[in-house]
Protein backbone atom coordinates (compact mmCIF):
# COMPACT_ATOMS: atom_id res chain seq x y z
CA UNK A 1 5.71 -10.13 21.29
CA UNK A 2 3.00 -7.49 20.46
CA UNK A 3 0.13 -9.09 18.51
CA UNK A 4 -1.48 -7.44 15.32
CA UNK A 5 -4.64 -7.16 14.03
CA UNK A 6 -4.21 -8.31 10.24
CA UNK A 7 -6.04 -6.04 7.86
CA UNK A 8 -4.90 -7.43 4.42
CA UNK A 9 -1.94 -9.04 3.05
CA UNK A 10 -0.59 -10.47 -0.91
CA UNK A 11 2.34 -11.64 -2.45
CA UNK A 12 4.22 -8.28 -1.82
CA UNK A 13 3.15 -7.34 1.54
CA UNK A 14 0.88 -7.02 4.53
CA UNK A 15 -1.23 -4.20 6.34
CA UNK A 16 -2.01 -4.35 9.98
CA UNK A 17 -2.45 -2.59 13.09
CA UNK A 18 -1.02 -3.29 16.40
CA UNK A 19 -3.31 -4.82 18.71
CA UNK A 20 -3.00 -2.46 21.82
CA UNK A 21 -2.46 0.91 19.88
CA UNK A 22 -4.31 3.81 20.16
CA UNK A 23 -2.76 5.39 17.12
CA UNK A 24 -5.26 5.46 13.85
CA UNK A 25 -2.18 4.54 11.69
CA UNK A 26 -1.98 1.43 9.48
CA UNK A 27 1.31 -0.43 9.07
CA UNK A 28 1.91 -1.33 5.61
CA UNK A 29 4.70 -3.30 4.65
CA UNK A 30 6.07 -4.53 1.17
CA UNK A 31 9.64 -5.43 -0.01
CA UNK A 32 11.97 -4.11 2.72
CA UNK A 33 9.83 -0.97 3.48
CA UNK A 34 7.33 -0.34 6.12
CA UNK A 35 5.13 2.70 6.22
CA UNK A 36 2.64 4.12 9.03
CA UNK A 37 0.02 5.77 7.23
CA UNK A 38 -3.51 7.18 7.67
CA UNK A 39 -6.63 6.16 5.59
CA UNK A 40 -6.05 9.53 4.05
CA UNK A 41 -2.48 8.88 3.27
CA UNK A 42 -3.11 5.30 1.61
CA UNK A 43 -5.55 7.29 -0.57
CA UNK A 44 -2.74 9.86 -1.69
CA UNK A 45 -0.46 6.72 -2.27
CA UNK A 46 -2.95 5.03 -4.75
CA UNK A 47 -3.17 8.48 -6.60
CA UNK A 48 0.58 8.27 -6.74
CA UNK A 49 0.51 4.87 -8.14
CA UNK A 50 -2.08 5.82 -10.92
CA UNK A 51 0.58 8.72 -11.80
CA UNK A 52 3.49 6.03 -12.05
CA UNK A 53 1.27 3.76 -14.24
CA UNK A 54 1.59 6.80 -16.83
CA UNK A 55 5.49 6.52 -16.93
CA UNK A 56 6.98 4.95 -19.82
CA UNK A 57 9.61 2.11 -19.68
CA UNK A 58 12.38 1.80 -21.87
CA UNK A 59 11.45 -0.02 -25.19
CA UNK A 60 14.36 -2.09 -25.73
CA UNK A 61 14.49 -3.28 -21.97
CA UNK A 62 15.18 -6.81 -21.62
CA UNK A 63 13.46 -7.26 -18.13
CA UNK A 64 10.24 -6.37 -19.25
CA UNK A 65 7.84 -6.22 -16.47
CA UNK A 66 10.24 -7.18 -13.91
CA UNK A 67 12.43 -4.08 -14.60
CA UNK A 68 12.65 -1.66 -11.57
CA UNK A 69 12.30 1.45 -13.72
CA UNK A 70 9.34 3.16 -12.35
CA UNK A 71 9.79 5.72 -9.88
CA UNK A 72 6.81 5.57 -7.33
CA UNK A 73 6.52 8.43 -5.08
CA UNK A 74 5.26 8.04 -1.75
CA UNK A 75 2.95 9.85 0.81
CA UNK A 76 6.02 11.49 1.82
CA UNK A 77 7.80 13.97 -0.14
CA UNK A 78 11.13 12.72 0.93
CA UNK A 79 10.78 9.12 -0.27
CA UNK A 80 10.31 7.48 -3.52
CA UNK A 81 10.84 3.89 -4.91
CA UNK A 82 12.12 2.31 -7.79
CA UNK A 83 9.58 -0.64 -8.76
CA UNK A 84 8.96 -2.96 -11.55
CA UNK A 85 5.33 -2.94 -13.34
CA UNK A 86 4.44 -6.40 -11.74
CA UNK A 87 5.33 -4.81 -8.00
CA UNK A 88 3.51 -1.60 -8.74
CA UNK A 89 0.57 -3.50 -9.59
CA UNK A 90 0.82 -5.66 -6.24
CA UNK A 91 1.35 -2.57 -4.23
CA UNK A 92 -1.78 -1.29 -5.64
CA UNK A 93 -3.46 -4.35 -4.67
CA UNK A 94 -2.24 -4.14 -1.40
CA UNK A 95 -3.24 -0.57 -0.97
CA UNK A 96 -6.60 -0.98 -2.27
CA UNK A 97 -7.46 -4.25 -0.55
CA UNK A 98 -6.30 -2.50 2.93
CA UNK A 99 -8.44 0.41 2.16
CA UNK A 100 -11.46 -1.85 1.44
CA UNK A 101 -11.03 -3.94 4.43
CA UNK A 102 -10.91 -0.88 6.82
CA UNK A 103 -14.03 0.82 5.26
CA UNK A 104 -15.91 -2.40 5.56
CA UNK A 105 -14.83 -3.24 8.89
CA UNK A 106 -15.87 0.66 9.94
CA UNK A 107 -19.43 0.07 8.43
CA UNK A 108 -19.80 -3.23 9.92
CA UNK A 109 -19.01 -1.65 13.35
CA UNK A 110 -21.53 1.49 12.53
CA UNK A 111 -24.05 -1.16 12.01
CA UNK A 112 -23.38 -3.22 14.99
CA UNK A 113 -23.97 -0.13 17.22
CA UNK A 114 -27.43 0.02 16.26
C-alpha cells in the first residue's frame, strides 16, 4: 500500500498527496467522492462554495441545515453535488485548511532553502 502525506482533515474528509507522486495534484476526499485538484482548482472550488452559500432553501423544509437541497458546482463543469448547509461548511473548511497548510509548507520550504 502506498503511503500518503496528509495535508489536512476534518469531520467530512481529508486532503493528501501520495508520498512517491511526481504530480502536483492534491487528493481531496469527502463523503464518497474523491477529487484530484491543483491549488488553483481548490481556489475555484472555494469560489463555487461562496456562490452556493447564496442559494435559498425551502422555507418549509423539515430537515433544516441537514437538507441536501444546495447544488454545489465543482471545478469540473460536468460534476455538481447536492449538499446540506452543514456539509457545505465542512467542505469549505476542508478546502481552506488544505490551502492554508499547502501555502504554509511552501513558505517554510522557501525559508529553509536560505
